[in-house]
Amino acid sequence: MQALFDRVIAINASYEDGQPYMYLGVLNSLRPATLGGTPELGKANFEKSIALSSGHNLMAKTLYAQYYARLVFDQELHDRLLHEVIAADPDAPKLTLINTLAQQRAKALLESGKDYF
């Protein structure tokens, strides 16, 4: 999967408003650095995805909170991202459905964060 997303980015770095970066963010945030993971690269990927979508892809922020912020136990980042997702207007071209799902997931993550942190 990594090679596929790297190739898509090599061909068109802004493909689908940065969605390949969002998926790379998840992949790079699956393991902590102590176990060979690259969470800081994951963080950079999520931030690139958010920037390329001008913040319109709410799922990027939701996954950023779920995978990166929880992995590094950054509750402040976690809660800030999820509150931003919940407060945002989900209506965006080609993103309305995924944004609505991101908002539902953000609410659940915020609630479960009380037990996680």
PDB file of N, CA and C in Angstrom:
ATOM      1  N   MET A   1       0.824  -1.185   0.000  1.00  0.00           N
ATOM      2  CA  MET A   1       0.000   0.000   0.000  1.00  0.00           C
ATOM      3  C   MET A   1       0.873   1.256   0.000  1.00  0.00           C
ATOM      4  N   GLN A   2       1.919   1.221   0.774  1.00  0.00           N
ATOM      5  CA  GLN A   2       2.827   2.366   0.861  1.00  0.00           C
ATOM      6  C   GLN A   2       3.351   2.743  -0.530  1.00  0.00           C
ATOM      7  N   ALA A   3       3.801   1.739  -1.270  1.00  0.00           N
ATOM      8  CA  ALA A   3       4.349   1.990  -2.602  1.00  0.00           C
ATOM      9  C   ALA A   3       3.285   2.567  -3.539  1.00  0.00           C
ATOM     10  N   LEU A   4       2.070   2.080  -3.421  1.00  0.00           N
ATOM     11  CA  LEU A   4       0.978   2.577  -4.252  1.00  0.00           C
ATOM     12  C   LEU A   4       0.718   4.060  -3.977  1.00  0.00           C
ATOM     13  N   PHE A   5       0.605   4.416  -2.712  1.00  0.00           N
ATOM     14  CA  PHE A   5       0.351   5.818  -2.374  1.00  0.00           C
ATOM     15  C   PHE A   5       1.534   6.699  -2.737  1.00  0.00           C
ATOM     16  N   ASP A   6       2.743   6.194  -2.542  1.00  0.00           N
ATOM     17  CA  ASP A   6       3.927   6.961  -2.940  1.00  0.00           C
ATOM     18  C   ASP A   6       3.922   7.227  -4.440  1.00  0.00           C
ATOM     19  N   ARG A   7       3.502   6.242  -5.211  1.00  0.00           N
ATOM     20  CA  ARG A   7       3.456   6.396  -6.668  1.00  0.00           C
ATOM     21  C   ARG A   7       2.386   7.409  -7.086  1.00  0.00           C
ATOM     22  N   VAL A   8       1.222   7.338  -6.455  1.00  0.00           N
ATOM     23  CA  VAL A   8       0.155   8.300  -6.757  1.00  0.00           C
ATOM     24  C   VAL A   8       0.647   9.717  -6.468  1.00  0.00           C
ATOM     25  N   ILE A   9       1.321   9.898  -5.349  1.00  0.00           N
ATOM     26  CA  ILE A   9       1.841  11.215  -4.979  1.00  0.00           C
ATOM     27  C   ILE A   9       2.917  11.666  -5.960  1.00  0.00           C
ATOM     28  N   ALA A  10       3.753  10.735  -6.418  1.00  0.00           N
ATOM     29  CA  ALA A  10       4.797  11.080  -7.386  1.00  0.00           C
ATOM     30  C   ALA A  10       4.186  11.563  -8.704  1.00  0.00           C
ATOM     31  N   ILE A  11       3.071  10.970  -9.076  1.00  0.00           N
ATOM     32  CA  ILE A  11       2.401  11.357 -10.326  1.00  0.00           C
ATOM     33  C   ILE A  11       1.639  12.669 -10.156  1.00  0.00           C
ATOM     34  N   ASN A  12       0.914  12.793  -9.038  1.00  0.00           N
ATOM     35  CA  ASN A  12       0.098  13.982  -8.799  1.00  0.00           C
ATOM     36  C   ASN A  12      -0.019  14.194  -7.296  1.00  0.00           C
ATOM     37  N   ALA A  13       0.816  15.032  -6.738  1.00  0.00           N
ATOM     38  CA  ALA A  13       0.889  15.234  -5.285  1.00  0.00           C
ATOM     39  C   ALA A  13      -0.413  15.758  -4.685  1.00  0.00           C
ATOM     40  N   SER A  14      -1.240  16.421  -5.478  1.00  0.00           N
ATOM     41  CA  SER A  14      -2.493  16.958  -4.944  1.00  0.00           C
ATOM     42  C   SER A  14      -3.706  16.106  -5.342  1.00  0.00           C
ATOM     43  N   TYR A  15      -3.475  14.872  -5.736  1.00  0.00           N
ATOM     44  CA  TYR A  15      -4.558  13.976  -6.158  1.00  0.00           C
ATOM     45  C   TYR A  15      -5.662  13.912  -5.106  1.00  0.00           C
ATOM     46  N   GLU A  16      -6.887  14.093  -5.561  1.00  0.00           N
ATOM     47  CA  GLU A  16      -8.077  14.033  -4.702  1.00  0.00           C
ATOM     48  C   GLU A  16      -7.902  14.878  -3.437  1.00  0.00           C
ATOM     49  N   ASP A  17      -7.360  16.051  -3.610  1.00  0.00           N
ATOM     50  CA  ASP A  17      -7.181  16.997  -2.502  1.00  0.00           C
ATOM     51  C   ASP A  17      -6.402  16.398  -1.334  1.00  0.00           C
ATOM     52  N   GLY A  18      -5.390  15.583  -1.653  1.00  0.00           N
ATOM     53  CA  GLY A  18      -4.484  15.076  -0.627  1.00  0.00           C
ATOM     54  C   GLY A  18      -4.880  13.792   0.063  1.00  0.00           C
ATOM     55  N   GLN A  19      -5.850  13.069  -0.471  1.00  0.00           N
ATOM     56  CA  GLN A  19      -6.273  11.841   0.198  1.00  0.00           C
ATOM     57  C   GLN A  19      -5.161  10.795   0.324  1.00  0.00           C
ATOM     58  N   PRO A  20      -4.255  10.653  -0.654  1.00  0.00           N
ATOM     59  CA  PRO A  20      -3.170   9.686  -0.444  1.00  0.00           C
ATOM     60  C   PRO A  20      -2.341  10.005   0.804  1.00  0.00           C
ATOM     61  N   TYR A  21      -2.165  11.286   1.102  1.00  0.00           N
ATOM     62  CA  TYR A  21      -1.433  11.665   2.316  1.00  0.00           C
ATOM     63  C   TYR A  21      -2.201  11.251   3.571  1.00  0.00           C
ATOM     64  N   MET A  22      -3.529  11.327   3.511  1.00  0.00           N
ATOM     65  CA  MET A  22      -4.343  10.916   4.650  1.00  0.00           C
ATOM     66  C   MET A  22      -4.118   9.429   4.941  1.00  0.00           C
ATOM     67  N   TYR A  23      -4.127   8.608   3.880  1.00  0.00           N
ATOM     68  CA  TYR A  23      -3.923   7.174   4.072  1.00  0.00           C
ATOM     69  C   TYR A  23      -2.501   6.869   4.534  1.00  0.00           C
ATOM     70  N   LEU A  24      -1.519   7.616   4.022  1.00  0.00           N
ATOM     71  CA  LEU A  24      -0.145   7.434   4.502  1.00  0.00           C
ATOM     72  C   LEU A  24      -0.033   7.843   5.966  1.00  0.00           C
ATOM     73  N   GLY A  25      -0.790   8.843   6.365  1.00  0.00           N
ATOM     74  CA  GLY A  25      -0.816   9.244   7.768  1.00  0.00           C
ATOM     75  C   GLY A  25      -1.272   8.110   8.661  1.00  0.00           C
ATOM     76  N   VAL A  26      -2.305   7.409   8.221  1.00  0.00           N
ATOM     77  CA  VAL A  26      -2.785   6.251   8.992  1.00  0.00           C
ATOM     78  C   VAL A  26      -1.709   5.168   9.027  1.00  0.00           C
ATOM     79  N   LEU A  27      -1.162   4.819   7.876  1.00  0.00           N
ATOM     80  CA  LEU A  27      -0.142   3.764   7.816  1.00  0.00           C
ATOM     81  C   LEU A  27       1.063   4.079   8.703  1.00  0.00           C
ATOM     82  N   ASN A  28       1.480   5.329   8.706  1.00  0.00           N
ATOM     83  CA  ASN A  28       2.660   5.709   9.480  1.00  0.00           C
ATOM     84  C   ASN A  28       2.360   5.921  10.965  1.00  0.00           C
ATOM     85  N   SER A  29       1.092   5.874  11.336  1.00  0.00           N
ATOM     86  CA  SER A  29       0.711   6.071  12.735  1.00  0.00           C
ATOM     87  C   SER A  29       0.183   4.791  13.378  1.00  0.00           C
ATOM     88  N   LEU A  30       0.424   3.666  12.757  1.00  0.00           N
ATOM     89  CA  LEU A  30      -0.065   2.408  13.319  1.00  0.00           C
ATOM     90  C   LEU A  30       0.820   1.859  14.433  1.00  0.00           C
ATOM     91  N   ARG A  31       2.121   2.142  14.368  1.00  0.00           N
ATOM     92  CA  ARG A  31       3.050   1.624  15.380  1.00  0.00           C
ATOM     93  C   ARG A  31       3.796   2.772  16.039  1.00  0.00           C
ATOM     94  N   PRO A  32       4.033   2.655  17.342  1.00  0.00           N
ATOM     95  CA  PRO A  32       4.831   3.698  18.002  1.00  0.00           C
ATOM     96  C   PRO A  32       6.280   3.653  17.527  1.00  0.00           C
ATOM     97  N   ALA A  33       6.979   4.755  17.708  1.00  0.00           N
ATOM     98  CA  ALA A  33       8.377   4.841  17.285  1.00  0.00           C
ATOM     99  C   ALA A  33       9.228   3.786  17.970  1.00  0.00           C
ATOM    100  N   THR A  34       8.898   3.435  19.203  1.00  0.00           N
ATOM    101  CA  THR A  34       9.672   2.433  19.941  1.00  0.00           C
ATOM    102  C   THR A  34       9.592   1.050  19.312  1.00  0.00           C
ATOM    103  N   LEU A  35       8.596   0.840  18.471  1.00  0.00           N
ATOM    104  CA  LEU A  35       8.446  -0.449  17.778  1.00  0.00           C
ATOM    105  C   LEU A  35       8.728  -0.317  16.285  1.00  0.00           C
ATOM    106  N   GLY A  36       9.447   0.725  15.912  1.00  0.00           N
ATOM    107  CA  GLY A  36       9.831   0.902  14.519  1.00  0.00           C
ATOM    108  C   GLY A  36       8.873   1.714  13.681  1.00  0.00           C
ATOM    109  N   GLY A  37       7.833   2.261  14.290  1.00  0.00           N
ATOM    110  CA  GLY A  37       6.884   3.080  13.558  1.00  0.00           C
ATOM    111  C   GLY A  37       7.434   4.471  13.291  1.00  0.00           C
ATOM    112  N   THR A  38       6.719   5.216  12.476  1.00  0.00           N
ATOM    113  CA  THR A  38       7.131   6.573  12.130  1.00  0.00           C
ATOM    114  C   THR A  38       5.968   7.548  12.348  1.00  0.00           C
ATOM    115  N   PRO A  39       5.544   7.699  13.602  1.00  0.00           N
ATOM    116  CA  PRO A  39       4.387   8.560  13.847  1.00  0.00           C
ATOM    117  C   PRO A  39       4.594  10.017  13.456  1.00  0.00           C
ATOM    118  N   GLU A  40       5.816  10.539  13.549  1.00  0.00           N
ATOM    119  CA  GLU A  40       6.035  11.938  13.164  1.00  0.00           C
ATOM    120  C   GLU A  40       5.857  12.122  11.655  1.00  0.00           C
ATOM    121  N   LEU A  41       6.198  11.093  10.891  1.00  0.00           N
ATOM    122  CA  LEU A  41       5.933  11.128   9.457  1.00  0.00           C
ATOM    123  C   LEU A  41       4.426  11.060   9.221  1.00  0.00           C
ATOM    124  N   GLY A  42       3.747  10.264  10.024  1.00  0.00           N
ATOM    125  CA  GLY A  42       2.289  10.209   9.945  1.00  0.00           C
ATOM    126  C   GLY A  42       1.666  11.565  10.210  1.00  0.00           C
ATOM    127  N   LYS A  43       2.172  12.248  11.226  1.00  0.00           N
ATOM    128  CA  LYS A  43       1.682  13.590  11.552  1.00  0.00           C
ATOM    129  C   LYS A  43       1.866  14.530  10.359  1.00  0.00           C
ATOM    130  N   ALA A  44       3.041  14.488   9.756  1.00  0.00           N
ATOM    131  CA  ALA A  44       3.310  15.341   8.591  1.00  0.00           C
ATOM    132  C   ALA A  44       2.376  14.997   7.430  1.00  0.00           C
ATOM    133  N   ASN A  45       2.104  13.709   7.238  1.00  0.00           N
ATOM    134  CA  ASN A  45       1.183  13.291   6.175  1.00  0.00           C
ATOM    135  C   ASN A  45      -0.226  13.816   6.423  1.00  0.00           C
ATOM    136  N   PHE A  46      -0.706  13.697   7.664  1.00  0.00           N
ATOM    137  CA  PHE A  46      -2.043  14.219   7.977  1.00  0.00           C
ATOM    138  C   PHE A  46      -2.109  15.721   7.748  1.00  0.00           C
ATOM    139  N   GLU A  47      -1.098  16.437   8.185  1.00  0.00           N
ATOM    140  CA  GLU A  47      -1.103  17.892   8.014  1.00  0.00           C
ATOM    141  C   GLU A  47      -1.066  18.284   6.541  1.00  0.00           C
ATOM    142  N   LYS A  48      -0.339  17.529   5.733  1.00  0.00           N
ATOM    143  CA  LYS A  48      -0.289  17.785   4.285  1.00  0.00           C
ATOM    144  C   LYS A  48      -1.660  17.536   3.663  1.00  0.00           C
ATOM    145  N   SER A  49      -2.313  16.453   4.076  1.00  0.00           N
ATOM    146  CA  SER A  49      -3.647  16.137   3.566  1.00  0.00           C
ATOM    147  C   SER A  49      -4.645  17.234   3.913  1.00  0.00           C
ATOM    148  N   ILE A  50      -4.603  17.695   5.138  1.00  0.00           N
ATOM    149  CA  ILE A  50      -5.513  18.752   5.576  1.00  0.00           C
ATOM    150  C   ILE A  50      -5.249  20.034   4.786  1.00  0.00           C
ATOM    151  N   ALA A  51      -3.990  20.364   4.590  1.00  0.00           N
ATOM    152  CA  ALA A  51      -3.635  21.572   3.835  1.00  0.00           C
ATOM    153  C   ALA A  51      -4.100  21.478   2.383  1.00  0.00           C
ATOM    154  N   LEU A  52      -3.890  20.316   1.749  1.00  0.00           N
ATOM    155  CA  LEU A  52      -4.273  20.171   0.341  1.00  0.00           C
ATOM    156  C   LEU A  52      -5.781  20.221   0.136  1.00  0.00           C
ATOM    157  N   SER A  53      -6.547  19.838   1.157  1.00  0.00           N
ATOM    158  CA  SER A  53      -8.006  19.915   1.026  1.00  0.00           C
ATOM    159  C   SER A  53      -8.547  21.231   1.581  1.00  0.00           C
ATOM    160  N   SER A  54      -7.650  22.124   1.972  1.00  0.00           N
ATOM    161  CA  SER A  54      -8.026  23.404   2.599  1.00  0.00           C
ATOM    162  C   SER A  54      -8.920  23.181   3.813  1.00  0.00           C
ATOM    163  N   GLY A  55      -8.718  22.060   4.483  1.00  0.00           N
ATOM    164  CA  GLY A  55      -9.490  21.741   5.677  1.00  0.00           C
ATOM    165  C   GLY A  55     -10.882  21.215   5.408  1.00  0.00           C
ATOM    166  N   HIS A  56     -11.238  20.997   4.148  1.00  0.00           N
ATOM    167  CA  HIS A  56     -12.592  20.551   3.806  1.00  0.00           C
ATOM    168  C   HIS A  56     -12.802  19.051   4.011  1.00  0.00           C
ATOM    169  N   ASN A  57     -11.737  18.265   3.983  1.00  0.00           N
ATOM    170  CA  ASN A  57     -11.858  16.823   4.204  1.00  0.00           C
ATOM    171  C   ASN A  57     -11.784  16.568   5.703  1.00  0.00           C
ATOM    172  N   LEU A  58     -12.942  16.468   6.332  1.00  0.00           N
ATOM    173  CA  LEU A  58     -13.010  16.312   7.782  1.00  0.00           C
ATOM    174  C   LEU A  58     -12.517  14.945   8.244  1.00  0.00           C
ATOM    175  N   MET A  59     -12.542  13.955   7.371  1.00  0.00           N
ATOM    176  CA  MET A  59     -12.060  12.634   7.761  1.00  0.00           C
ATOM    177  C   MET A  59     -10.560  12.669   8.032  1.00  0.00           C
ATOM    178  N   ALA A  60      -9.821  13.529   7.358  1.00  0.00           N
ATOM    179  CA  ALA A  60      -8.381  13.631   7.607  1.00  0.00           C
ATOM    180  C   ALA A  60      -8.124  14.054   9.047  1.00  0.00           C
ATOM    181  N   LYS A  61      -8.881  15.007   9.554  1.00  0.00           N
ATOM    182  CA  LYS A  61      -8.717  15.444  10.937  1.00  0.00           C
ATOM    183  C   LYS A  61      -9.172  14.360  11.918  1.00  0.00           C
ATOM    184  N   THR A  62     -10.240  13.675  11.569  1.00  0.00           N
ATOM    185  CA  THR A  62     -10.750  12.617  12.440  1.00  0.00           C
ATOM    186  C   THR A  62      -9.737  11.486  12.557  1.00  0.00           C
ATOM    187  N   LEU A  63      -9.179  11.063  11.434  1.00  0.00           N
ATOM    188  CA  LEU A  63      -8.178   9.993  11.468  1.00  0.00           C
ATOM    189  C   LEU A  63      -6.881  10.460  12.121  1.00  0.00           C
ATOM    190  N   TYR A  64      -6.540  11.706  11.955  1.00  0.00           N
ATOM    191  CA  TYR A  64      -5.375  12.306  12.605  1.00  0.00           C
ATOM    192  C   TYR A  64      -5.527  12.158  14.125  1.00  0.00           C
ATOM    193  N   ALA A  65      -6.696  12.491  14.629  1.00  0.00           N
ATOM    194  CA  ALA A  65      -6.960  12.354  16.069  1.00  0.00           C
ATOM    195  C   ALA A  65      -6.935  10.893  16.498  1.00  0.00           C
ATOM    196  N   GLN A  66      -7.597  10.047  15.717  1.00  0.00           N
ATOM    197  CA  GLN A  66      -7.721   8.633  16.090  1.00  0.00           C
ATOM    198  C   GLN A  66      -6.380   7.905  16.068  1.00  0.00           C
ATOM    199  N   TYR A  67      -5.616   8.117  15.020  1.00  0.00           N
ATOM    200  CA  TYR A  67      -4.389   7.332  14.858  1.00  0.00           C
ATOM    201  C   TYR A  67      -3.146   8.016  15.421  1.00  0.00           C
ATOM    202  N   TYR A  68      -2.931   9.261  15.125  1.00  0.00           N
ATOM    203  CA  TYR A  68      -1.713   9.910  15.601  1.00  0.00           C
ATOM    204  C   TYR A  68      -1.849  10.403  17.041  1.00  0.00           C
ATOM    205  N   ALA A  69      -2.867  11.232  17.316  1.00  0.00           N
ATOM    206  CA  ALA A  69      -2.982  11.838  18.648  1.00  0.00           C
ATOM    207  C   ALA A  69      -3.132  10.778  19.742  1.00  0.00           C
ATOM    208  N   ARG A  70      -3.875   9.746  19.464  1.00  0.00           N
ATOM    209  CA  ARG A  70      -4.011   8.681  20.466  1.00  0.00           C
ATOM    210  C   ARG A  70      -2.716   7.893  20.611  1.00  0.00           C
ATOM    211  N   LEU A  71      -2.019   7.657  19.514  1.00  0.00           N
ATOM    212  CA  LEU A  71      -0.765   6.898  19.571  1.00  0.00           C
ATOM    213  C   LEU A  71       0.261   7.590  20.460  1.00  0.00           C
ATOM    214  N   VAL A  72       0.344   8.912  20.365  1.00  0.00           N
ATOM    215  CA  VAL A  72       1.339   9.654  21.142  1.00  0.00           C
ATOM    216  C   VAL A  72       0.735  10.252  22.420  1.00  0.00           C
ATOM    217  N   PHE A  73      -0.483   9.885  22.726  1.00  0.00           N
ATOM    218  CA  PHE A  73      -1.190  10.331  23.935  1.00  0.00           C
ATOM    219  C   PHE A  73      -1.238  11.853  24.057  1.00  0.00           C
ATOM    220  N   ASP A  74      -1.611  12.511  22.951  1.00  0.00           N
ATOM    221  CA  ASP A  74      -1.739  13.963  22.928  1.00  0.00           C
ATOM    222  C   ASP A  74      -3.234  14.313  22.989  1.00  0.00           C
ATOM    223  N   GLN A  75      -3.756  14.388  24.204  1.00  0.00           N
ATOM    224  CA  GLN A  75      -5.187  14.631  24.371  1.00  0.00           C
ATOM    225  C   GLN A  75      -5.599  16.012  23.883  1.00  0.00           C
ATOM    226  N   GLU A  76      -4.745  16.999  24.068  1.00  0.00           N
ATOM    227  CA  GLU A  76      -5.077  18.351  23.620  1.00  0.00           C
ATOM    228  C   GLU A  76      -5.289  18.386  22.103  1.00  0.00           C
ATOM    229  N   LEU A  77      -4.377  17.796  21.354  1.00  0.00           N
ATOM    230  CA  LEU A  77      -4.507  17.725  19.888  1.00  0.00           C
ATOM    231  C   LEU A  77      -5.738  16.913  19.511  1.00  0.00           C
ATOM    232  N   HIS A  78      -5.906  15.769  20.144  1.00  0.00           N
ATOM    233  CA  HIS A  78      -7.045  14.875  19.906  1.00  0.00           C
ATOM    234  C   HIS A  78      -8.362  15.633  20.035  1.00  0.00           C
ATOM    235  N   ASP A  79      -8.549  16.272  21.182  1.00  0.00           N
ATOM    236  CA  ASP A  79      -9.814  16.960  21.434  1.00  0.00           C
ATOM    237  C   ASP A  79     -10.005  18.164  20.518  1.00  0.00           C
ATOM    238  N   ARG A  80      -8.930  18.916  20.269  1.00  0.00           N
ATOM    239  CA  ARG A  80      -9.032  20.084  19.388  1.00  0.00           C
ATOM    240  C   ARG A  80      -9.471  19.675  17.986  1.00  0.00           C
ATOM    241  N   LEU A  81      -8.828  18.646  17.428  1.00  0.00           N
ATOM    242  CA  LEU A  81      -9.176  18.189  16.082  1.00  0.00           C
ATOM    243  C   LEU A  81     -10.630  17.722  16.017  1.00  0.00           C
ATOM    244  N   LEU A  82     -11.044  16.956  17.005  1.00  0.00           N
ATOM    245  CA  LEU A  82     -12.412  16.420  16.987  1.00  0.00           C
ATOM    246  C   LEU A  82     -13.454  17.518  17.166  1.00  0.00           C
ATOM    247  N   HIS A  83     -13.171  18.501  18.002  1.00  0.00           N
ATOM    248  CA  HIS A  83     -14.102  19.635  18.157  1.00  0.00           C
ATOM    249  C   HIS A  83     -14.184  20.436  16.856  1.00  0.00           C
ATOM    250  N   GLU A  84     -13.078  20.588  16.161  1.00  0.00           N
ATOM    251  CA  GLU A  84     -13.084  21.280  14.862  1.00  0.00           C
ATOM    252  C   GLU A  84     -13.954  20.528  13.857  1.00  0.00           C
ATOM    253  N   VAL A  85     -13.841  19.210  13.840  1.00  0.00           N
ATOM    254  CA  VAL A  85     -14.633  18.389  12.910  1.00  0.00           C
ATOM    255  C   VAL A  85     -16.116  18.522  13.224  1.00  0.00           C
ATOM    256  N   ILE A  86     -16.463  18.429  14.486  1.00  0.00           N
ATOM    257  CA  ILE A  86     -17.868  18.491  14.889  1.00  0.00           C
ATOM    258  C   ILE A  86     -18.467  19.864  14.575  1.00  0.00           C
ATOM    259  N   ALA A  87     -17.690  20.926  14.738  1.00  0.00           N
ATOM    260  CA  ALA A  87     -18.189  22.284  14.512  1.00  0.00           C
ATOM    261  C   ALA A  87     -18.237  22.672  13.033  1.00  0.00           C
ATOM    262  N   ALA A  88     -17.551  21.938  12.185  1.00  0.00           N
ATOM    263  CA  ALA A  88     -17.439  22.302  10.762  1.00  0.00           C
ATOM    264  C   ALA A  88     -18.724  21.995   9.992  1.00  0.00           C
ATOM    265  N   ASP A  89     -18.896  22.715   8.896  1.00  0.00           N
ATOM    266  CA  ASP A  89     -19.993  22.441   7.963  1.00  0.00           C
ATOM    267  C   ASP A  89     -19.578  21.246   7.101  1.00  0.00           C
ATOM    268  N   PRO A  90     -20.333  20.158   7.118  1.00  0.00           N
ATOM    269  CA  PRO A  90     -19.937  18.969   6.358  1.00  0.00           C
ATOM    270  C   PRO A  90     -20.153  19.088   4.851  1.00  0.00           C
ATOM    271  N   ASP A  91     -20.866  20.103   4.428  1.00  0.00           N
ATOM    272  CA  ASP A  91     -21.202  20.252   3.017  1.00  0.00           C
ATOM    273  C   ASP A  91     -20.003  20.766   2.222  1.00  0.00           C
ATOM    274  N   ALA A  92     -19.453  19.890   1.378  1.00  0.00           N
ATOM    275  CA  ALA A  92     -18.337  20.252   0.506  1.00  0.00           C
ATOM    276  C   ALA A  92     -18.415  19.375  -0.739  1.00  0.00           C
ATOM    277  N   PRO A  93     -18.057  19.904  -1.905  1.00  0.00           N
ATOM    278  CA  PRO A  93     -18.131  19.107  -3.130  1.00  0.00           C
ATOM    279  C   PRO A  93     -17.351  17.794  -3.003  1.00  0.00           C
ATOM    280  N   LYS A  94     -17.987  16.701  -3.326  1.00  0.00           N
ATOM    281  CA  LYS A  94     -17.433  15.342  -3.316  1.00  0.00           C
ATOM    282  C   LYS A  94     -17.068  14.830  -1.923  1.00  0.00           C
ATOM    283  N   LEU A  95     -17.365  15.600  -0.869  1.00  0.00           N
ATOM    284  CA  LEU A  95     -16.949  15.202   0.476  1.00  0.00           C
ATOM    285  C   LEU A  95     -18.079  15.172   1.497  1.00  0.00           C
ATOM    286  N   THR A  96     -19.290  15.524   1.095  1.00  0.00           N
ATOM    287  CA  THR A  96     -20.379  15.663   2.062  1.00  0.00           C
ATOM    288  C   THR A  96     -20.650  14.366   2.818  1.00  0.00           C
ATOM    289  N   LEU A  97     -20.721  13.243   2.132  1.00  0.00           N
ATOM    290  CA  LEU A  97     -20.991  11.974   2.803  1.00  0.00           C
ATOM    291  C   LEU A  97     -19.863  11.603   3.755  1.00  0.00           C
ATOM    292  N   ILE A  98     -18.624  11.645   3.287  1.00  0.00           N
ATOM    293  CA  ILE A  98     -17.489  11.269   4.138  1.00  0.00           C
ATOM    294  C   ILE A  98     -17.351  12.243   5.304  1.00  0.00           C
ATOM    295  N   ASN A  99     -17.684  13.509   5.085  1.00  0.00           N
ATOM    296  CA  ASN A  99     -17.624  14.488   6.169  1.00  0.00           C
ATOM    297  C   ASN A  99     -18.689  14.216   7.230  1.00  0.00           C
ATOM    298  N   THR A 100     -19.866  13.821   6.792  1.00  0.00           N
ATOM    299  CA  THR A 100     -20.928  13.482   7.738  1.00  0.00           C
ATOM    300  C   THR A 100     -20.514  12.271   8.573  1.00  0.00           C
ATOM    301  N   LEU A 101     -19.919  11.272   7.916  1.00  0.00           N
ATOM    302  CA  LEU A 101     -19.423  10.101   8.648  1.00  0.00           C
ATOM    303  C   LEU A 101     -18.278  10.487   9.586  1.00  0.00           C
ATOM    304  N   ALA A 102     -17.427  11.406   9.148  1.00  0.00           N
ATOM    305  CA  ALA A 102     -16.319  11.868   9.991  1.00  0.00           C
ATOM    306  C   ALA A 102     -16.850  12.548  11.252  1.00  0.00           C
ATOM    307  N   GLN A 103     -17.920  13.312  11.113  1.00  0.00           N
ATOM    308  CA  GLN A 103     -18.496  13.973  12.278  1.00  0.00           C
ATOM    309  C   GLN A 103     -19.080  12.956  13.261  1.00  0.00           C
ATOM    310  N   GLN A 104     -19.733  11.925  12.743  1.00  0.00           N
ATOM    311  CA  GLN A 104     -20.263  10.883  13.624  1.00  0.00           C
ATOM    312  C   GLN A 104     -19.140  10.163  14.354  1.00  0.00           C
ATOM    313  N   ARG A 105     -18.085   9.841  13.623  1.00  0.00           N
ATOM    314  CA  ARG A 105     -16.936   9.159  14.205  1.00  0.00           C
ATOM    315  C   ARG A 105     -16.232  10.058  15.226  1.00  0.00           C
ATOM    316  N   ALA A 106     -16.153  11.355  14.926  1.00  0.00           N
ATOM    317  CA  ALA A 106     -15.513  12.311  15.837  1.00  0.00           C
ATOM    318  C   ALA A 106     -16.253  12.364  17.170  1.00  0.00           C
ATOM    319  N   LYS A 107     -17.567  12.362  17.127  1.00  0.00           N
ATOM    320  CA  LYS A 107     -18.355  12.375  18.369  1.00  0.00           C
ATOM    321  C   LYS A 107     -18.072  11.128  19.201  1.00  0.00           C
ATOM    322  N   ALA A 108     -18.013   9.981  18.543  1.00  0.00           N
ATOM    323  CA  ALA A 108     -17.737   8.726  19.254  1.00  0.00           C
ATOM    324  C   ALA A 108     -16.314   8.725  19.822  1.00  0.00           C
ATOM    325  N   LEU A 109     -15.349   9.221  19.047  1.00  0.00           N
ATOM    326  CA  LEU A 109     -13.962   9.267  19.525  1.00  0.00           C
ATOM    327  C   LEU A 109     -13.812  10.231  20.702  1.00  0.00           C
ATOM    328  N   LEU A 110     -14.508  11.343  20.646  1.00  0.00           N
ATOM    329  CA  LEU A 110     -14.445  12.304  21.740  1.00  0.00           C
ATOM    330  C   LEU A 110     -14.999  11.683  23.020  1.00  0.00           C
ATOM    331  N   GLU A 111     -16.085  10.971  22.879  1.00  0.00           N
ATOM    332  CA  GLU A 111     -16.690  10.309  24.041  1.00  0.00           C
ATOM    333  C   GLU A 111     -15.774   9.218  24.587  1.00  0.00           C
ATOM    334  N   SER A 112     -15.225   8.392  23.717  1.00  0.00           N
ATOM    335  CA  SER A 112     -14.349   7.302  24.180  1.00  0.00           C
ATOM    336  C   SER A 112     -12.994   7.835  24.656  1.00  0.00           C
ATOM    337  N   GLY A 113     -12.637   9.036  24.252  1.00  0.00           N
ATOM    338  CA  GLY A 113     -11.385   9.647  24.697  1.00  0.00           C
ATOM    339  C   GLY A 113     -11.358   9.870  26.196  1.00  0.00           C
ATOM    340  N   LYS A 114     -12.531  10.014  26.804  1.00  0.00           N
ATOM    341  CA  LYS A 114     -12.608  10.196  28.254  1.00  0.00           C
ATOM    342  C   LYS A 114     -12.009   8.991  28.979  1.00  0.00           C
ATOM    343  N   ASP A 115     -12.198   7.807  28.414  1.00  0.00           N
ATOM    344  CA  ASP A 115     -11.645   6.588  29.002  1.00  0.00           C
ATOM    345  C   ASP A 115     -10.223   6.323  28.513  1.00  0.00           C
ATOM    346  N   TYR A 116      -9.904   6.796  27.325  1.00  0.00           N
ATOM    347  CA  TYR A 116      -8.603   6.507  26.723  1.00  0.00           C
ATOM    348  C   TYR A 116      -7.479   7.295  27.398  1.00  0.00           C
ATOM    349  N   PHE A 117      -7.736   8.567  27.658  1.00  0.00           N
ATOM    350  CA  PHE A 117      -6.679   9.421  28.224  1.00  0.00           C
ATOM    351  C   PHE A 117      -6.753   9.427  29.702  1.00  0.00           C
TER     352      PHE A 117
END
